[in-house]
Full PDB file with SEQRES, HELIX, SHEET, SSBOND, CRYST1, ORIGX, SCALE, CONECT and MASTER records, all heavy atoms in Angstrom:
SEQRES   1 A   40  SER CYS LEU LEU LEU ALA PRO GLN ALA ASP GLY ASP ALA          
SEQRES   2 A   40  GLY GLU GLU LEU ASN PRO LEU GLN GLN ALA PHE ARG SER          
SEQRES   3 A   40  CYS HIS ALA LEU GLN CYS GLY PHE CYS THR PRO GLY ILE          
SEQRES   4 A   40  LEU                                                          
HELIX    1 AA1 ALA A    6  ALA A    9  5                                   4    
HELIX    2 AA2 LEU A   20  SER A   26  1                                   7    
HELIX    3 AA3 THR A   36  ILE A   39  1                                   4    
CRYST1    1.000    1.000    1.000  90.00  90.00  90.00 P 1           1          
ORIGX1      1.000000  0.000000  0.000000        0.00000                         
ORIGX2      0.000000  1.000000  0.000000        0.00000                         
ORIGX3      0.000000  0.000000  1.000000        0.00000                         
SCALE1      1.000000  0.000000  0.000000        0.00000                         
SCALE2      0.000000  1.000000  0.000000        0.00000                         
SCALE3      0.000000  0.000000  1.000000        0.00000                         
ATOM      1  N   SER A   1       0.778  -1.237  -0.007  1.00  0.00           N  
ATOM      2  CA  SER A   1       0.027   0.025  -0.018  1.00  0.00           C  
ATOM      3  C   SER A   1       0.830   1.234   0.024  1.00  0.00           C  
ATOM      4  O   SER A   1       0.337   2.300  -0.346  1.00  0.00           O  
ATOM      5  CB  SER A   1      -1.032  -0.002   1.191  1.00  0.00           C  
ATOM      6  OG  SER A   1      -0.267   0.051   2.438  1.00  0.00           O  
ATOM      7  N   CYS A   2       2.119   1.189   0.295  1.00  0.00           N  
ATOM      8  CA  CYS A   2       3.006   2.379   0.272  1.00  0.00           C  
ATOM      9  C   CYS A   2       3.376   2.661  -1.168  1.00  0.00           C  
ATOM     10  O   CYS A   2       3.973   3.718  -1.409  1.00  0.00           O  
ATOM     11  CB  CYS A   2       4.212   2.200   1.179  1.00  0.00           C  
ATOM     12  SG  CYS A   2       5.432   1.053   0.499  1.00  0.00           S  
ATOM     13  N   LEU A   3       3.110   1.785  -2.113  1.00  0.00           N  
ATOM     14  CA  LEU A   3       3.460   1.999  -3.507  1.00  0.00           C  
ATOM     15  C   LEU A   3       2.258   2.291  -4.393  1.00  0.00           C  
ATOM     16  O   LEU A   3       2.452   2.529  -5.585  1.00  0.00           O  
ATOM     17  CB  LEU A   3       4.150   0.797  -4.082  1.00  0.00           C  
ATOM     18  CG  LEU A   3       5.486   0.344  -3.363  1.00  0.00           C  
ATOM     19  CD1 LEU A   3       6.031  -0.899  -4.015  1.00  0.00           C  
ATOM     20  CD2 LEU A   3       6.515   1.488  -3.444  1.00  0.00           C  
ATOM     21  N   LEU A   4       1.078   2.394  -3.777  1.00  0.00           N  
ATOM     22  CA  LEU A   4      -0.139   2.684  -4.569  1.00  0.00           C  
ATOM     23  C   LEU A   4      -0.779   4.017  -4.050  1.00  0.00           C  
ATOM     24  O   LEU A   4      -0.636   4.333  -2.922  1.00  0.00           O  
ATOM     25  CB  LEU A   4      -1.120   1.527  -4.402  1.00  0.00           C  
ATOM     26  CG  LEU A   4      -0.728   0.218  -4.994  1.00  0.00           C  
ATOM     27  CD1 LEU A   4      -1.687  -0.878  -4.543  1.00  0.00           C  
ATOM     28  CD2 LEU A   4      -0.683   0.349  -6.478  1.00  0.00           C  
ATOM     29  N   LEU A   5      -1.558   4.590  -4.922  1.00  0.00           N  
ATOM     30  CA  LEU A   5      -2.278   5.757  -4.539  1.00  0.00           C  
ATOM     31  C   LEU A   5      -3.686   5.342  -4.140  1.00  0.00           C  
ATOM     32  O   LEU A   5      -4.218   4.352  -4.672  1.00  0.00           O  
ATOM     33  CB  LEU A   5      -2.370   6.757  -5.714  1.00  0.00           C  
ATOM     34  CG  LEU A   5      -1.055   7.275  -6.238  1.00  0.00           C  
ATOM     35  CD1 LEU A   5      -1.239   8.091  -7.505  1.00  0.00           C  
ATOM     36  CD2 LEU A   5      -0.327   8.067  -5.128  1.00  0.00           C  
ATOM     37  N   ALA A   6      -4.242   6.047  -3.172  1.00  0.00           N  
ATOM     38  CA  ALA A   6      -5.569   5.753  -2.647  1.00  0.00           C  
ATOM     39  C   ALA A   6      -6.660   5.625  -3.811  1.00  0.00           C  
ATOM     40  O   ALA A   6      -7.438   4.679  -3.766  1.00  0.00           O  
ATOM     41  CB  ALA A   6      -6.073   6.760  -1.629  1.00  0.00           C  
ATOM     42  N   PRO A   7      -6.603   6.450  -4.778  1.00  0.00           N  
ATOM     43  CA  PRO A   7      -7.649   6.365  -5.891  1.00  0.00           C  
ATOM     44  C   PRO A   7      -7.550   5.011  -6.648  1.00  0.00           C  
ATOM     45  O   PRO A   7      -8.488   4.563  -7.249  1.00  0.00           O  
ATOM     46  CB  PRO A   7      -7.341   7.553  -6.796  1.00  0.00           C  
ATOM     47  CG  PRO A   7      -6.767   8.601  -5.928  1.00  0.00           C  
ATOM     48  CD  PRO A   7      -5.904   7.816  -4.941  1.00  0.00           C  
ATOM     49  N   GLN A   8      -6.383   4.372  -6.575  1.00  0.00           N  
ATOM     50  CA  GLN A   8      -6.225   3.087  -7.296  1.00  0.00           C  
ATOM     51  C   GLN A   8      -7.035   1.991  -6.575  1.00  0.00           C  
ATOM     52  O   GLN A   8      -7.323   0.962  -7.127  1.00  0.00           O  
ATOM     53  CB  GLN A   8      -4.732   2.653  -7.388  1.00  0.00           C  
ATOM     54  CG  GLN A   8      -3.951   3.517  -8.321  1.00  0.00           C  
ATOM     55  CD  GLN A   8      -2.521   3.169  -8.255  1.00  0.00           C  
ATOM     56  OE1 GLN A   8      -1.707   3.526  -7.392  1.00  0.00           O  
ATOM     57  NE2 GLN A   8      -2.087   2.419  -9.306  1.00  0.00           N  
ATOM     58  N   ALA A   9      -7.412   2.198  -5.385  1.00  0.00           N  
ATOM     59  CA  ALA A   9      -8.244   1.277  -4.615  1.00  0.00           C  
ATOM     60  C   ALA A   9      -9.746   1.524  -4.648  1.00  0.00           C  
ATOM     61  O   ALA A   9     -10.531   0.797  -4.142  1.00  0.00           O  
ATOM     62  CB  ALA A   9      -7.827   1.251  -3.092  1.00  0.00           C  
ATOM     63  N   ASP A  10     -10.129   2.588  -5.381  1.00  0.00           N  
ATOM     64  CA  ASP A  10     -11.558   2.934  -5.441  1.00  0.00           C  
ATOM     65  C   ASP A  10     -12.340   1.793  -5.958  1.00  0.00           C  
ATOM     66  O   ASP A  10     -12.057   1.153  -6.958  1.00  0.00           O  
ATOM     67  CB  ASP A  10     -11.718   4.168  -6.361  1.00  0.00           C  
ATOM     68  CG  ASP A  10     -13.089   4.688  -6.365  1.00  0.00           C  
ATOM     69  OD1 ASP A  10     -13.673   4.848  -5.285  1.00  0.00           O  
ATOM     70  OD2 ASP A  10     -13.638   4.903  -7.458  1.00  0.00           O  
ATOM     71  N   GLY A  11     -13.460   1.529  -5.193  1.00  0.00           N  
ATOM     72  CA  GLY A  11     -14.334   0.440  -5.603  1.00  0.00           C  
ATOM     73  C   GLY A  11     -13.982  -0.935  -5.081  1.00  0.00           C  
ATOM     74  O   GLY A  11     -14.702  -1.892  -5.271  1.00  0.00           O  
ATOM     75  N   ASP A  12     -12.834  -1.082  -4.394  1.00  0.00           N  
ATOM     76  CA  ASP A  12     -12.447  -2.394  -3.888  1.00  0.00           C  
ATOM     77  C   ASP A  12     -13.272  -2.768  -2.704  1.00  0.00           C  
ATOM     78  O   ASP A  12     -13.541  -1.948  -1.805  1.00  0.00           O  
ATOM     79  CB  ASP A  12     -10.958  -2.374  -3.500  1.00  0.00           C  
ATOM     80  CG  ASP A  12     -10.476  -3.770  -3.187  1.00  0.00           C  
ATOM     81  OD1 ASP A  12     -10.576  -4.652  -4.118  1.00  0.00           O  
ATOM     82  OD2 ASP A  12     -10.006  -4.003  -2.009  1.00  0.00           O  
ATOM     83  N   ALA A  13     -13.737  -4.012  -2.638  1.00  0.00           N  
ATOM     84  CA  ALA A  13     -14.489  -4.538  -1.593  1.00  0.00           C  
ATOM     85  C   ALA A  13     -13.639  -5.580  -0.819  1.00  0.00           C  
ATOM     86  O   ALA A  13     -13.558  -6.742  -1.287  1.00  0.00           O  
ATOM     87  CB  ALA A  13     -15.802  -5.196  -2.082  1.00  0.00           C  
ATOM     88  N   GLY A  14     -13.020  -5.161   0.301  1.00  0.00           N  
ATOM     89  CA  GLY A  14     -12.128  -6.086   0.954  1.00  0.00           C  
ATOM     90  C   GLY A  14     -12.933  -7.154   1.698  1.00  0.00           C  
ATOM     91  O   GLY A  14     -14.110  -7.059   1.972  1.00  0.00           O  
ATOM     92  N   GLU A  15     -12.198  -8.198   2.007  1.00  0.00           N  
ATOM     93  CA  GLU A  15     -12.795  -9.387   2.591  1.00  0.00           C  
ATOM     94  C   GLU A  15     -12.768  -9.261   4.132  1.00  0.00           C  
ATOM     95  O   GLU A  15     -12.067  -8.445   4.689  1.00  0.00           O  
ATOM     96  CB  GLU A  15     -11.938 -10.662   2.335  1.00  0.00           C  
ATOM     97  CG  GLU A  15     -11.824 -10.887   0.798  1.00  0.00           C  
ATOM     98  CD  GLU A  15     -10.874 -12.025   0.497  1.00  0.00           C  
ATOM     99  OE1 GLU A  15     -10.386 -12.677   1.443  1.00  0.00           O  
ATOM    100  OE2 GLU A  15     -10.636 -12.274  -0.680  1.00  0.00           O  
ATOM    101  N   GLU A  16     -13.553 -10.098   4.767  1.00  0.00           N  
ATOM    102  CA  GLU A  16     -13.550 -10.255   6.238  1.00  0.00           C  
ATOM    103  C   GLU A  16     -12.206 -10.918   6.571  1.00  0.00           C  
ATOM    104  O   GLU A  16     -11.616 -11.539   5.751  1.00  0.00           O  
ATOM    105  CB  GLU A  16     -14.760 -11.122   6.737  1.00  0.00           C  
ATOM    106  CG  GLU A  16     -16.071 -10.406   6.553  1.00  0.00           C  
ATOM    107  CD  GLU A  16     -16.205  -9.224   7.542  1.00  0.00           C  
ATOM    108  OE1 GLU A  16     -15.617  -9.282   8.673  1.00  0.00           O  
ATOM    109  OE2 GLU A  16     -16.950  -8.280   7.208  1.00  0.00           O  
ATOM    110  N   LEU A  17     -11.855 -10.852   7.818  1.00  0.00           N  
ATOM    111  CA  LEU A  17     -10.596 -11.462   8.244  1.00  0.00           C  
ATOM    112  C   LEU A  17     -10.702 -13.029   8.069  1.00  0.00           C  
ATOM    113  O   LEU A  17     -11.813 -13.557   8.206  1.00  0.00           O  
ATOM    114  CB  LEU A  17     -10.322 -11.126   9.702  1.00  0.00           C  
ATOM    115  CG  LEU A  17     -10.154  -9.601   9.903  1.00  0.00           C  
ATOM    116  CD1 LEU A  17      -9.884  -9.328  11.431  1.00  0.00           C  
ATOM    117  CD2 LEU A  17      -8.890  -9.075   9.148  1.00  0.00           C  
ATOM    118  N   ASN A  18      -9.569 -13.607   7.778  1.00  0.00           N  
ATOM    119  CA  ASN A  18      -9.619 -15.076   7.452  1.00  0.00           C  
ATOM    120  C   ASN A  18      -9.142 -15.973   8.570  1.00  0.00           C  
ATOM    121  O   ASN A  18      -8.582 -15.472   9.572  1.00  0.00           O  
ATOM    122  CB  ASN A  18      -8.831 -15.302   6.160  1.00  0.00           C  
ATOM    123  CG  ASN A  18      -7.392 -14.877   6.278  1.00  0.00           C  
ATOM    124  OD1 ASN A  18      -6.731 -15.347   7.145  1.00  0.00           O  
ATOM    125  ND2 ASN A  18      -6.955 -13.951   5.435  1.00  0.00           N  
ATOM    126  N   PRO A  19      -9.165 -17.303   8.379  1.00  0.00           N  
ATOM    127  CA  PRO A  19      -8.744 -18.277   9.384  1.00  0.00           C  
ATOM    128  C   PRO A  19      -7.285 -18.215   9.718  1.00  0.00           C  
ATOM    129  O   PRO A  19      -6.871 -18.817  10.732  1.00  0.00           O  
ATOM    130  CB  PRO A  19      -9.096 -19.637   8.755  1.00  0.00           C  
ATOM    131  CG  PRO A  19     -10.157 -19.306   7.781  1.00  0.00           C  
ATOM    132  CD  PRO A  19      -9.848 -17.934   7.235  1.00  0.00           C  
ATOM    133  N   LEU A  20      -6.440 -17.548   9.018  1.00  0.00           N  
ATOM    134  CA  LEU A  20      -5.085 -17.393   9.299  1.00  0.00           C  
ATOM    135  C   LEU A  20      -4.853 -16.807  10.684  1.00  0.00           C  
ATOM    136  O   LEU A  20      -3.903 -17.109  11.409  1.00  0.00           O  
ATOM    137  CB  LEU A  20      -4.335 -16.611   8.278  1.00  0.00           C  
ATOM    138  CG  LEU A  20      -3.856 -17.280   7.005  1.00  0.00           C  
ATOM    139  CD1 LEU A  20      -3.345 -16.308   5.975  1.00  0.00           C  
ATOM    140  CD2 LEU A  20      -2.861 -18.359   7.276  1.00  0.00           C  
ATOM    141  N   GLN A  21      -5.758 -15.870  11.080  1.00  0.00           N  
ATOM    142  CA  GLN A  21      -5.587 -15.195  12.365  1.00  0.00           C  
ATOM    143  C   GLN A  21      -5.579 -16.240  13.510  1.00  0.00           C  
ATOM    144  O   GLN A  21      -4.781 -16.098  14.422  1.00  0.00           O  
ATOM    145  CB  GLN A  21      -6.693 -14.209  12.578  1.00  0.00           C  
ATOM    146  CG  GLN A  21      -6.559 -12.982  11.739  1.00  0.00           C  
ATOM    147  CD  GLN A  21      -7.634 -11.956  12.010  1.00  0.00           C  
ATOM    148  OE1 GLN A  21      -8.784 -12.306  12.074  1.00  0.00           O  
ATOM    149  NE2 GLN A  21      -7.233 -10.726  12.179  1.00  0.00           N  
ATOM    150  N   GLN A  22      -6.520 -17.150  13.467  1.00  0.00           N  
ATOM    151  CA  GLN A  22      -6.587 -18.151  14.492  1.00  0.00           C  
ATOM    152  C   GLN A  22      -5.313 -19.046  14.422  1.00  0.00           C  
ATOM    153  O   GLN A  22      -4.815 -19.413  15.554  1.00  0.00           O  
ATOM    154  CB  GLN A  22      -7.882 -19.022  14.349  1.00  0.00           C  
ATOM    155  CG  GLN A  22      -8.021 -20.114  15.403  1.00  0.00           C  
ATOM    156  CD  GLN A  22      -8.006 -19.490  16.852  1.00  0.00           C  
ATOM    157  OE1 GLN A  22      -8.625 -18.492  17.069  1.00  0.00           O  
ATOM    158  NE2 GLN A  22      -7.373 -20.192  17.741  1.00  0.00           N  
ATOM    159  N   ALA A  23      -4.842 -19.397  13.305  1.00  0.00           N  
ATOM    160  CA  ALA A  23      -3.623 -20.216  13.224  1.00  0.00           C  
ATOM    161  C   ALA A  23      -2.461 -19.429  13.803  1.00  0.00           C  
ATOM    162  O   ALA A  23      -1.595 -20.009  14.477  1.00  0.00           O  
ATOM    163  CB  ALA A  23      -3.384 -20.615  11.821  1.00  0.00           C  
ATOM    164  N   PHE A  24      -2.349 -18.132  13.486  1.00  0.00           N  
ATOM    165  CA  PHE A  24      -1.283 -17.301  14.061  1.00  0.00           C  
ATOM    166  C   PHE A  24      -1.379 -17.264  15.556  1.00  0.00           C  
ATOM    167  O   PHE A  24      -0.362 -17.339  16.239  1.00  0.00           O  
ATOM    168  CB  PHE A  24      -1.375 -15.867  13.452  1.00  0.00           C  
ATOM    169  CG  PHE A  24      -0.457 -15.723  12.240  1.00  0.00           C  
ATOM    170  CD1 PHE A  24      -0.658 -16.450  11.107  1.00  0.00           C  
ATOM    171  CD2 PHE A  24       0.568 -14.795  12.274  1.00  0.00           C  
ATOM    172  CE1 PHE A  24       0.104 -16.271   9.937  1.00  0.00           C  
ATOM    173  CE2 PHE A  24       1.370 -14.603  11.125  1.00  0.00           C  
ATOM    174  CZ  PHE A  24       1.164 -15.368   9.994  1.00  0.00           C  
ATOM    175  N   ARG A  25      -2.576 -17.199  16.109  1.00  0.00           N  
ATOM    176  CA  ARG A  25      -2.697 -17.162  17.557  1.00  0.00           C  
ATOM    177  C   ARG A  25      -2.314 -18.500  18.167  1.00  0.00           C  
ATOM    178  O   ARG A  25      -1.537 -18.504  19.098  1.00  0.00           O  
ATOM    179  CB  ARG A  25      -4.181 -16.858  17.889  1.00  0.00           C  
ATOM    180  CG  ARG A  25      -4.440 -16.783  19.358  1.00  0.00           C  
ATOM    181  CD  ARG A  25      -5.891 -16.352  19.680  1.00  0.00           C  
ATOM    182  NE  ARG A  25      -6.028 -16.355  21.044  1.00  0.00           N  
ATOM    183  CZ  ARG A  25      -7.158 -16.741  21.658  1.00  0.00           C  
ATOM    184  NH1 ARG A  25      -8.165 -17.195  20.939  1.00  0.00           N  
ATOM    185  NH2 ARG A  25      -7.296 -16.708  22.959  1.00  0.00           N  
ATOM    186  N   SER A  26      -2.812 -19.571  17.584  1.00  0.00           N  
ATOM    187  CA  SER A  26      -2.538 -20.890  18.202  1.00  0.00           C  
ATOM    188  C   SER A  26      -1.098 -21.290  18.014  1.00  0.00           C  
ATOM    189  O   SER A  26      -0.583 -22.078  18.841  1.00  0.00           O  
ATOM    190  CB  SER A  26      -3.492 -21.944  17.630  1.00  0.00           C  
ATOM    191  OG  SER A  26      -3.250 -22.188  16.305  1.00  0.00           O  
ATOM    192  N   CYS A  27      -0.364 -20.829  17.032  1.00  0.00           N  
ATOM    193  CA  CYS A  27       1.048 -21.167  16.794  1.00  0.00           C  
ATOM    194  C   CYS A  27       1.966 -20.124  17.382  1.00  0.00           C  
ATOM    195  O   CYS A  27       3.163 -20.170  17.206  1.00  0.00           O  
ATOM    196  CB  CYS A  27       1.289 -21.300  15.304  1.00  0.00           C  
ATOM    197  SG  CYS A  27       0.496 -22.752  14.605  1.00  0.00           S  
ATOM    198  N   HIS A  28       1.418 -19.107  18.034  1.00  0.00           N  
ATOM    199  CA  HIS A  28       2.226 -18.040  18.686  1.00  0.00           C  
ATOM    200  C   HIS A  28       3.096 -17.353  17.597  1.00  0.00           C  
ATOM    201  O   HIS A  28       4.270 -17.043  17.877  1.00  0.00           O  
ATOM    202  CB  HIS A  28       3.091 -18.574  19.833  1.00  0.00           C  
ATOM    203  CG  HIS A  28       2.309 -19.308  20.856  1.00  0.00           C  
ATOM    204  ND1 HIS A  28       1.489 -18.668  21.747  1.00  0.00           N  
ATOM    205  CD2 HIS A  28       2.188 -20.594  21.114  1.00  0.00           C  
ATOM    206  CE1 HIS A  28       0.887 -19.507  22.519  1.00  0.00           C  
ATOM    207  NE2 HIS A  28       1.302 -20.798  22.130  1.00  0.00           N  
ATOM    208  N   ALA A  29       2.465 -17.016  16.527  1.00  0.00           N  
ATOM    209  CA  ALA A  29       3.154 -16.387  15.386  1.00  0.00           C  
ATOM    210  C   ALA A  29       3.004 -14.887  15.402  1.00  0.00           C  
ATOM    211  O   ALA A  29       3.519 -14.185  14.491  1.00  0.00           O  
ATOM    212  CB  ALA A  29       2.716 -16.940  14.079  1.00  0.00           C  
ATOM    213  N   LEU A  30       2.320 -14.332  16.401  1.00  0.00           N  
ATOM    214  CA  LEU A  30       2.021 -12.864  16.359  1.00  0.00           C  
ATOM    215  C   LEU A  30       3.245 -12.020  16.804  1.00  0.00           C  
ATOM    216  O   LEU A  30       3.413 -10.960  16.268  1.00  0.00           O  
ATOM    217  CB  LEU A  30       0.838 -12.582  17.260  1.00  0.00           C  
ATOM    218  CG  LEU A  30      -0.452 -13.177  16.803  1.00  0.00           C  
ATOM    219  CD1 LEU A  30      -1.512 -13.090  17.899  1.00  0.00           C  
ATOM    220  CD2 LEU A  30      -0.930 -12.534  15.529  1.00  0.00           C  
ATOM    221  N   GLN A  31       3.985 -12.437  17.713  1.00  0.00           N  
ATOM    222  CA  GLN A  31       5.166 -11.741  18.199  1.00  0.00           C  
ATOM    223  C   GLN A  31       4.823 -10.307  18.461  1.00  0.00           C  
ATOM    224  O   GLN A  31       3.875  -9.976  19.096  1.00  0.00           O  
ATOM    225  CB  GLN A  31       6.336 -11.986  17.219  1.00  0.00           C  
ATOM    226  CG  GLN A  31       6.664 -13.420  17.121  1.00  0.00           C  
ATOM    227  CD  GLN A  31       7.561 -13.732  16.015  1.00  0.00           C  
ATOM    228  OE1 GLN A  31       8.706 -13.356  16.027  1.00  0.00           O  
ATOM    229  NE2 GLN A  31       7.098 -14.452  14.968  1.00  0.00           N  
ATOM    230  N   CYS A  32       5.684  -9.338  18.024  1.00  0.00           N  
ATOM    231  CA  CYS A  32       5.408  -7.922  18.340  1.00  0.00           C  
ATOM    232  C   CYS A  32       4.277  -7.370  17.577  1.00  0.00           C  
ATOM    233  O   CYS A  32       3.672  -6.376  17.945  1.00  0.00           O  
ATOM    234  CB  CYS A  32       6.684  -7.052  18.105  1.00  0.00           C  
ATOM    235  SG  CYS A  32       6.957  -6.583  16.398  1.00  0.00           S  
ATOM    236  N   GLY A  33       3.944  -7.926  16.424  1.00  0.00           N  
ATOM    237  CA  GLY A  33       2.783  -7.481  15.643  1.00  0.00           C  
ATOM    238  C   GLY A  33       3.046  -6.508  14.509  1.00  0.00           C  
ATOM    239  O   GLY A  33       2.190  -6.188  13.780  1.00  0.00           O  
ATOM    240  N   PHE A  34       4.285  -5.983  14.412  1.00  0.00           N  
ATOM    241  CA  PHE A  34       4.533  -4.970  13.389  1.00  0.00           C  
ATOM    242  C   PHE A  34       4.433  -5.585  12.013  1.00  0.00           C  
ATOM    243  O   PHE A  34       3.832  -5.040  11.123  1.00  0.00           O  
ATOM    244  CB  PHE A  34       5.919  -4.361  13.610  1.00  0.00           C  
ATOM    245  CG  PHE A  34       6.166  -3.218  12.643  1.00  0.00           C  
ATOM    246  CD1 PHE A  34       5.719  -1.928  12.978  1.00  0.00           C  
ATOM    247  CD2 PHE A  34       6.809  -3.382  11.470  1.00  0.00           C  
ATOM    248  CE1 PHE A  34       5.880  -0.887  12.162  1.00  0.00           C  
ATOM    249  CE2 PHE A  34       7.012  -2.306  10.609  1.00  0.00           C  
ATOM    250  CZ  PHE A  34       6.523  -1.076  10.972  1.00  0.00           C  
ATOM    251  N   CYS A  35       4.994  -6.768  11.763  1.00  0.00           N  
ATOM    252  CA  CYS A  35       5.004  -7.376  10.471  1.00  0.00           C  
ATOM    253  C   CYS A  35       3.726  -8.212  10.251  1.00  0.00           C  
ATOM    254  O   CYS A  35       3.398  -8.525   9.061  1.00  0.00           O  
ATOM    255  CB  CYS A  35       6.212  -8.239  10.242  1.00  0.00           C  
ATOM    256  SG  CYS A  35       6.243  -9.730  11.329  1.00  0.00           S  
ATOM    257  N   THR A  36       3.011  -8.481  11.242  1.00  0.00           N  
ATOM    258  CA  THR A  36       1.887  -9.489  11.182  1.00  0.00           C  
ATOM    259  C   THR A  36       0.804  -9.129  10.144  1.00  0.00           C  
ATOM    260  O   THR A  36       0.397  -9.960   9.311  1.00  0.00           O  
ATOM    261  CB  THR A  36       1.283  -9.676  12.588  1.00  0.00           C  
ATOM    262  OG1 THR A  36       2.257 -10.109  13.493  1.00  0.00           O  
ATOM    263  CG2 THR A  36       0.140 -10.754  12.535  1.00  0.00           C  
ATOM    264  N   PRO A  37       0.280  -7.927  10.091  1.00  0.00           N  
ATOM    265  CA  PRO A  37      -0.730  -7.602   9.123  1.00  0.00           C  
ATOM    266  C   PRO A  37      -0.331  -7.870   7.675  1.00  0.00           C  
ATOM    267  O   PRO A  37      -0.991  -8.480   6.852  1.00  0.00           O  
ATOM    268  CB  PRO A  37      -1.044  -6.091   9.343  1.00  0.00           C  
ATOM    269  CG  PRO A  37      -0.689  -5.910  10.765  1.00  0.00           C  
ATOM    270  CD  PRO A  37       0.533  -6.754  11.030  1.00  0.00           C  
ATOM    271  N   GLY A  38       0.922  -7.421   7.367  1.00  0.00           N  
ATOM    272  CA  GLY A  38       1.429  -7.629   5.956  1.00  0.00           C  
ATOM    273  C   GLY A  38       1.614  -9.072   5.678  1.00  0.00           C  
ATOM    274  O   GLY A  38       1.268  -9.567   4.560  1.00  0.00           O  
ATOM    275  N   ILE A  39       2.141  -9.852   6.619  1.00  0.00           N  
ATOM    276  CA  ILE A  39       2.299 -11.277   6.449  1.00  0.00           C  
ATOM    277  C   ILE A  39       0.973 -12.018   6.270  1.00  0.00           C  
ATOM    278  O   ILE A  39       0.852 -12.898   5.400  1.00  0.00           O  
ATOM    279  CB  ILE A  39       3.190 -11.885   7.515  1.00  0.00           C  
ATOM    280  CG1 ILE A  39       4.668 -11.368   7.338  1.00  0.00           C  
ATOM    281  CG2 ILE A  39       3.193 -13.421   7.472  1.00  0.00           C  
ATOM    282  CD1 ILE A  39       5.608 -11.755   8.472  1.00  0.00           C  
ATOM    283  N   LEU A  40       0.015 -11.649   7.105  1.00  0.00           N  
ATOM    284  CA  LEU A  40      -1.304 -12.283   6.983  1.00  0.00           C  
ATOM    285  C   LEU A  40      -1.921 -12.099   5.620  1.00  0.00           C  
ATOM    286  O   LEU A  40      -2.455 -12.963   5.069  1.00  0.00           O  
ATOM    287  CB  LEU A  40      -2.236 -11.730   8.097  1.00  0.00           C  
ATOM    288  CG  LEU A  40      -2.082 -12.284   9.535  1.00  0.00           C  
ATOM    289  CD1 LEU A  40      -2.872 -11.526  10.533  1.00  0.00           C  
ATOM    290  CD2 LEU A  40      -2.445 -13.774   9.542  1.00  0.00           C  
TER     291      LEU A  40                                                      
MASTER        0    0    0    3    0    0    0    6  290    1    0    4          
END                                                                             
């Protein structure tokens, strides 16, 4: 998202959060959380 302009996302319908979040929680993959959103 740091390489795109906001107007390029116009009309996009993002998804609900997916099952990866639960897997990250149960496997203790969250750590500090800085990289987590991008990796998810």
